[in-house]
PDB file of N, CA and C in Angstrom:
ATOM      1  N   UNK A   1     111.316  67.470  -8.481  1.00  0.00           N
ATOM      2  CA  UNK A   1     112.754  66.731  -8.909  1.00  0.00           C
ATOM      3  C   UNK A   1     113.352  66.206  -7.189  1.00  0.00           C
ATOM      4  N   UNK A   2     114.435  64.980  -7.715  1.00  0.00           N
ATOM      5  CA  UNK A   2     114.396  64.543  -6.986  1.00  0.00           C
ATOM      6  C   UNK A   2     115.983  64.780  -6.604  1.00  0.00           C
ATOM      7  N   UNK A   3     116.712  64.827  -5.003  1.00  0.00           N
ATOM      8  CA  UNK A   3     118.067  65.492  -4.700  1.00  0.00           C
ATOM      9  C   UNK A   3     118.586  64.225  -4.308  1.00  0.00           C
ATOM     10  N   UNK A   4     120.163  64.327  -4.529  1.00  0.00           N
ATOM     11  CA  UNK A   4     121.277  62.882  -3.629  1.00  0.00           C
ATOM     12  C   UNK A   4     121.360  63.697  -2.593  1.00  0.00           C
ATOM     13  N   UNK A   5     121.557  63.186  -1.670  1.00  0.00           N
ATOM     14  CA  UNK A   5     122.291  64.196  -0.699  1.00  0.00           C
ATOM     15  C   UNK A   5     123.427  64.083  -0.507  1.00  0.00           C
ATOM     16  N   UNK A   6     124.377  64.721  -0.565  1.00  0.00           N
ATOM     17  CA  UNK A   6     125.624  65.822   0.133  1.00  0.00           C
ATOM     18  C   UNK A   6     127.060  64.262   0.685  1.00  0.00           C
ATOM     19  N   UNK A   7     127.768  63.755   0.198  1.00  0.00           N
ATOM     20  CA  UNK A   7     128.935  63.022   1.136  1.00  0.00           C
ATOM     21  C   UNK A   7     129.277  64.643   2.089  1.00  0.00           C
ATOM     22  N   UNK A   8     129.078  64.286   3.196  1.00  0.00           N
ATOM     23  CA  UNK A   8     129.812  64.623   4.269  1.00  0.00           C
ATOM     24  C   UNK A   8     131.069  64.567   4.615  1.00  0.00           C
ATOM     25  N   UNK A   9     131.781  66.047   4.448  1.00  0.00           N
ATOM     26  CA  UNK A   9     133.437  65.618   4.074  1.00  0.00           C
ATOM     27  C   UNK A   9     133.369  66.135   5.028  1.00  0.00           C
ATOM     28  N   UNK A  10     133.749  66.673   6.359  1.00  0.00           N
ATOM     29  CA  UNK A  10     133.729  67.376   7.095  1.00  0.00           C
ATOM     30  C   UNK A  10     133.779  66.747   8.564  1.00  0.00           C
ATOM     31  N   UNK A  11     134.942  66.238   9.621  1.00  0.00           N
ATOM     32  CA  UNK A  11     134.900  65.043  10.872  1.00  0.00           C
ATOM     33  C   UNK A  11     134.300  66.398  12.309  1.00  0.00           C
ATOM     34  N   UNK A  12     135.026  67.257  11.818  1.00  0.00           N
ATOM     35  CA  UNK A  12     134.748  68.046  12.857  1.00  0.00           C
ATOM     36  C   UNK A  12     133.069  68.319  13.377  1.00  0.00           C
ATOM     37  N   UNK A  13     133.125  68.010  14.786  1.00  0.00           N
ATOM     38  CA  UNK A  13     131.921  68.035  14.924  1.00  0.00           C
ATOM     39  C   UNK A  13     131.505  66.332  15.341  1.00  0.00           C
ATOM     40  N   UNK A  14     132.002  65.435  15.056  1.00  0.00           N
ATOM     41  CA  UNK A  14     131.356  64.139  14.621  1.00  0.00           C
ATOM     42  C   UNK A  14     131.718  63.538  16.554  1.00  0.00           C
ATOM     43  N   UNK A  15     131.417  63.149  17.262  1.00  0.00           N
ATOM     44  CA  UNK A  15     131.558  62.173  18.321  1.00  0.00           C
ATOM     45  C   UNK A  15     132.154  61.123  18.362  1.00  0.00           C
ATOM     46  N   UNK A  16     133.229  60.803  19.725  1.00  0.00           N
ATOM     47  CA  UNK A  16     133.442  59.983  19.375  1.00  0.00           C
ATOM     48  C   UNK A  16     134.025  59.157  20.377  1.00  0.00           C
ATOM     49  N   UNK A  17     134.291  57.983  20.410  1.00  0.00           N
ATOM     50  CA  UNK A  17     134.492  57.601  21.988  1.00  0.00           C
ATOM     51  C   UNK A  17     136.478  56.875  22.192  1.00  0.00           C
ATOM     52  N   UNK A  18     136.949  57.270  23.557  1.00  0.00           N
ATOM     53  CA  UNK A  18     138.227  57.185  23.746  1.00  0.00           C
ATOM     54  C   UNK A  18     137.854  56.259  25.187  1.00  0.00           C
ATOM     55  N   UNK A  19     139.261  56.118  25.680  1.00  0.00           N
ATOM     56  CA  UNK A  19     139.136  54.583  26.737  1.00  0.00           C
ATOM     57  C   UNK A  19     139.936  55.806  27.780  1.00  0.00           C
ATOM     58  N   UNK A  20     139.197  55.840  29.383  1.00  0.00           N
ATOM     59  CA  UNK A  20     139.140  56.901  30.336  1.00  0.00           C
ATOM     60  C   UNK A  20     140.657  56.610  30.513  1.00  0.00           C
ATOM     61  N   UNK A  21     141.864  57.612  31.038  1.00  0.00           N
ATOM     62  CA  UNK A  21     142.810  58.103  31.698  1.00  0.00           C
ATOM     63  C   UNK A  21     143.026  57.220  32.732  1.00  0.00           C
ATOM     64  N   UNK A  22     142.184  56.797  33.347  1.00  0.00           N
ATOM     65  CA  UNK A  22     142.301  55.775  34.960  1.00  0.00           C
ATOM     66  C   UNK A  22     142.848  54.650  34.225  1.00  0.00           C
ATOM     67  N   UNK A  23     141.636  54.216  32.807  1.00  0.00           N
ATOM     68  CA  UNK A  23     142.959  52.968  32.540  1.00  0.00           C
ATOM     69  C   UNK A  23     141.851  51.371  32.803  1.00  0.00           C
ATOM     70  N   UNK A  24     140.602  52.356  33.109  1.00  0.00           N
ATOM     71  CA  UNK A  24     139.135  51.026  33.530  1.00  0.00           C
ATOM     72  C   UNK A  24     138.387  51.015  32.237  1.00  0.00           C
ATOM     73  N   UNK A  25     137.746  49.784  31.987  1.00  0.00           N
ATOM     74  CA  UNK A  25     136.413  49.976  31.256  1.00  0.00           C
ATOM     75  C   UNK A  25     135.656  51.241  30.336  1.00  0.00           C
ATOM     76  N   UNK A  26     135.537  51.969  30.875  1.00  0.00           N
ATOM     77  CA  UNK A  26     134.555  53.425  31.291  1.00  0.00           C
ATOM     78  C   UNK A  26     134.892  54.329  30.057  1.00  0.00           C
ATOM     79  N   UNK A  27     134.828  53.866  29.084  1.00  0.00           N
ATOM     80  CA  UNK A  27     134.688  55.440  27.776  1.00  0.00           C
ATOM     81  C   UNK A  27     134.217  56.439  28.001  1.00  0.00           C
ATOM     82  N   UNK A  28     135.042  57.433  27.526  1.00  0.00           N
ATOM     83  CA  UNK A  28     134.983  58.556  27.764  1.00  0.00           C
ATOM     84  C   UNK A  28     134.331  58.621  26.171  1.00  0.00           C
ATOM     85  N   UNK A  29     133.182  59.709  25.990  1.00  0.00           N
ATOM     86  CA  UNK A  29     132.407  60.767  24.718  1.00  0.00           C
ATOM     87  C   UNK A  29     133.907  61.554  24.315  1.00  0.00           C
ATOM     88  N   UNK A  30     133.692  62.330  23.110  1.00  0.00           N
ATOM     89  CA  UNK A  30     134.381  63.560  22.711  1.00  0.00           C
ATOM     90  C   UNK A  30     134.362  64.130  21.774  1.00  0.00           C
ATOM     91  N   UNK A  31     134.628  64.778  21.994  1.00  0.00           N
ATOM     92  CA  UNK A  31     134.004  66.030  19.968  1.00  0.00           C
ATOM     93  C   UNK A  31     134.863  65.972  19.331  1.00  0.00           C
ATOM     94  N   UNK A  32     135.392  66.159  17.700  1.00  0.00           N
ATOM     95  CA  UNK A  32     136.305  66.442  17.314  1.00  0.00           C
ATOM     96  C   UNK A  32     136.297  68.291  17.130  1.00  0.00           C
ATOM     97  N   UNK A  33     136.880  68.278  17.100  1.00  0.00           N
ATOM     98  CA  UNK A  33     137.630  69.814  17.394  1.00  0.00           C
ATOM     99  C   UNK A  33     138.074  70.539  16.248  1.00  0.00           C
ATOM    100  N   UNK A  34     139.602  69.739  15.678  1.00  0.00           N
ATOM    101  CA  UNK A  34     140.156  70.451  14.597  1.00  0.00           C
ATOM    102  C   UNK A  34     140.572  68.707  14.041  1.00  0.00           C
ATOM    103  N   UNK A  35     140.906  69.173  12.584  1.00  0.00           N
ATOM    104  CA  UNK A  35     142.013  67.999  11.943  1.00  0.00           C
ATOM    105  C   UNK A  35     143.049  69.021  11.407  1.00  0.00           C
ATOM    106  N   UNK A  36     144.035  68.298  11.791  1.00  0.00           N
ATOM    107  CA  UNK A  36     145.355  68.728  11.139  1.00  0.00           C
ATOM    108  C   UNK A  36     146.700  67.952  10.254  1.00  0.00           C
ATOM    109  N   UNK A  37     147.401  68.481   9.167  1.00  0.00           N
ATOM    110  CA  UNK A  37     148.739  67.173   9.019  1.00  0.00           C
ATOM    111  C   UNK A  37     148.907  67.238   9.372  1.00  0.00           C
ATOM    112  N   UNK A  38     150.174  66.406   9.422  1.00  0.00           N
ATOM    113  CA  UNK A  38     151.357  65.927  10.700  1.00  0.00           C
ATOM    114  C   UNK A  38     152.460  66.507   9.757  1.00  0.00           C
ATOM    115  N   UNK A  39     152.966  66.478   9.326  1.00  0.00           N
ATOM    116  CA  UNK A  39     154.521  67.156   7.552  1.00  0.00           C
ATOM    117  C   UNK A  39     155.083  66.593   8.445  1.00  0.00           C
ATOM    118  N   UNK A  40     155.250  65.980   9.348  1.00  0.00           N
ATOM    119  CA  UNK A  40     156.656  65.327   9.930  1.00  0.00           C
ATOM    120  C   UNK A  40     157.749  64.503   9.192  1.00  0.00           C
ATOM    121  N   UNK A  41     156.824  63.756   8.601  1.00  0.00           N
ATOM    122  CA  UNK A  41     157.039  62.573   7.861  1.00  0.00           C
ATOM    123  C   UNK A  41     157.284  62.470   6.276  1.00  0.00           C
ATOM    124  N   UNK A  42     157.693  63.268   5.975  1.00  0.00           N
ATOM    125  CA  UNK A  42     157.528  64.108   4.928  1.00  0.00           C
ATOM    126  C   UNK A  42     158.383  63.740   3.566  1.00  0.00           C
ATOM    127  N   UNK A  43     159.707  62.676   4.235  1.00  0.00           N
ATOM    128  CA  UNK A  43     160.739  62.817   3.438  1.00  0.00           C
ATOM    129  C   UNK A  43     159.693  61.199   2.678  1.00  0.00           C
ATOM    130  N   UNK A  44     159.561  60.930   3.596  1.00  0.00           N
ATOM    131  CA  UNK A  44     158.621  59.182   2.817  1.00  0.00           C
ATOM    132  C   UNK A  44     157.399  59.776   2.181  1.00  0.00           C
ATOM    133  N   UNK A  45     156.744  60.616   1.839  1.00  0.00           N
ATOM    134  CA  UNK A  45     155.441  60.796   1.717  1.00  0.00           C
ATOM    135  C   UNK A  45     154.160  61.203   2.073  1.00  0.00           C
ATOM    136  N   UNK A  46     154.572  60.223   3.212  1.00  0.00           N
ATOM    137  CA  UNK A  46     152.899  59.655   4.187  1.00  0.00           C
ATOM    138  C   UNK A  46     152.617  60.979   4.615  1.00  0.00           C
ATOM    139  N   UNK A  47     151.340  61.694   5.441  1.00  0.00           N
ATOM    140  CA  UNK A  47     151.240  62.418   5.947  1.00  0.00           C
ATOM    141  C   UNK A  47     150.025  62.125   6.731  1.00  0.00           C
ATOM    142  N   UNK A  48     150.184  62.234   8.138  1.00  0.00           N
ATOM    143  CA  UNK A  48     149.182  61.589   8.820  1.00  0.00           C
ATOM    144  C   UNK A  48     148.101  63.033   9.526  1.00  0.00           C
ATOM    145  N   UNK A  49     146.809  62.740  10.137  1.00  0.00           N
ATOM    146  CA  UNK A  49     145.723  63.170  10.315  1.00  0.00           C
ATOM    147  C   UNK A  49     146.183  63.175  11.457  1.00  0.00           C
ATOM    148  N   UNK A  50     146.124  64.983  12.423  1.00  0.00           N
ATOM    149  CA  UNK A  50     145.822  64.496  13.598  1.00  0.00           C
ATOM    150  C   UNK A  50     144.471  65.236  14.538  1.00  0.00           C
ATOM    151  N   UNK A  51     143.921  65.046  14.846  1.00  0.00           N
ATOM    152  CA  UNK A  51     143.002  65.113  15.638  1.00  0.00           C
ATOM    153  C   UNK A  51     142.968  65.596  17.005  1.00  0.00           C
ATOM    154  N   UNK A  52     142.051  66.712  17.253  1.00  0.00           N
ATOM    155  CA  UNK A  52     142.223  67.350  18.492  1.00  0.00           C
ATOM    156  C   UNK A  52     140.807  66.795  19.338  1.00  0.00           C
ATOM    157  N   UNK A  53     140.762  66.492  20.455  1.00  0.00           N
ATOM    158  CA  UNK A  53     139.057  66.015  20.495  1.00  0.00           C
ATOM    159  C   UNK A  53     139.278  66.631  21.715  1.00  0.00           C
ATOM    160  N   UNK A  54     137.785  67.442  22.017  1.00  0.00           N
ATOM    161  CA  UNK A  54     137.597  68.027  23.553  1.00  0.00           C
ATOM    162  C   UNK A  54     136.414  66.690  24.199  1.00  0.00           C
ATOM    163  N   UNK A  55     137.111  66.138  25.135  1.00  0.00           N
ATOM    164  CA  UNK A  55     136.276  64.992  26.411  1.00  0.00           C
ATOM    165  C   UNK A  55     135.459  65.491  26.513  1.00  0.00           C
ATOM    166  N   UNK A  56     134.921  64.747  27.508  1.00  0.00           N
ATOM    167  CA  UNK A  56     133.437  65.100  27.832  1.00  0.00           C
ATOM    168  C   UNK A  56     133.955  64.968  29.565  1.00  0.00           C
ATOM    169  N   UNK A  57     135.117  65.191  30.231  1.00  0.00           N
ATOM    170  CA  UNK A  57     135.696  65.436  31.321  1.00  0.00           C
ATOM    171  C   UNK A  57     136.380  67.406  31.284  1.00  0.00           C
ATOM    172  N   UNK A  58     136.104  67.490  30.148  1.00  0.00           N
ATOM    173  CA  UNK A  58     136.639  68.663  29.543  1.00  0.00           C
ATOM    174  C   UNK A  58     138.653  68.642  28.928  1.00  0.00           C
ATOM    175  N   UNK A  59     138.959  67.811  29.495  1.00  0.00           N
ATOM    176  CA  UNK A  59     140.175  67.709  28.903  1.00  0.00           C
ATOM    177  C   UNK A  59     140.449  67.655  27.353  1.00  0.00           C
ATOM    178  N   UNK A  60     141.347  68.097  26.845  1.00  0.00           N
ATOM    179  CA  UNK A  60     141.418  67.946  25.583  1.00  0.00           C
ATOM    180  C   UNK A  60     142.978  66.338  25.126  1.00  0.00           C
ATOM    181  N   UNK A  61     142.522  66.050  24.065  1.00  0.00           N
ATOM    182  CA  UNK A  61     143.343  64.772  23.341  1.00  0.00           C
ATOM    183  C   UNK A  61     143.946  65.372  22.179  1.00  0.00           C
ATOM    184  N   UNK A  62     144.927  65.154  21.506  1.00  0.00           N
ATOM    185  CA  UNK A  62     145.628  65.060  20.292  1.00  0.00           C
ATOM    186  C   UNK A  62     145.910  63.669  19.940  1.00  0.00           C
ATOM    187  N   UNK A  63     145.370  63.282  18.472  1.00  0.00           N
ATOM    188  CA  UNK A  63     145.748  61.108  18.481  1.00  0.00           C
ATOM    189  C   UNK A  63     145.819  61.721  17.228  1.00  0.00           C
ATOM    190  N   UNK A  64     147.012  61.173  17.001  1.00  0.00           N
ATOM    191  CA  UNK A  64     147.251  60.783  15.076  1.00  0.00           C
ATOM    192  C   UNK A  64     147.049  59.833  14.838  1.00  0.00           C
ATOM    193  N   UNK A  65     146.731  59.531  13.732  1.00  0.00           N
ATOM    194  CA  UNK A  65     146.080  58.314  12.927  1.00  0.00           C
ATOM    195  C   UNK A  65     146.198  58.945  10.620  1.00  0.00           C
TER     196      UNK A  65
END
């Protein structure tokens, strides 16, 4: 019996790259810890995802997309 691979539905635990805080060319790696929907722009019906990322230096960043 042949089975199909299911599509990954969650980005939690995915590794990401982000520019360093010092502004140099060395990117930092991080891991997505949480995803929430931002409802601040509810008048237009658009919802943005807010990603919480734990960076390799121990800092936590939030990014809206």
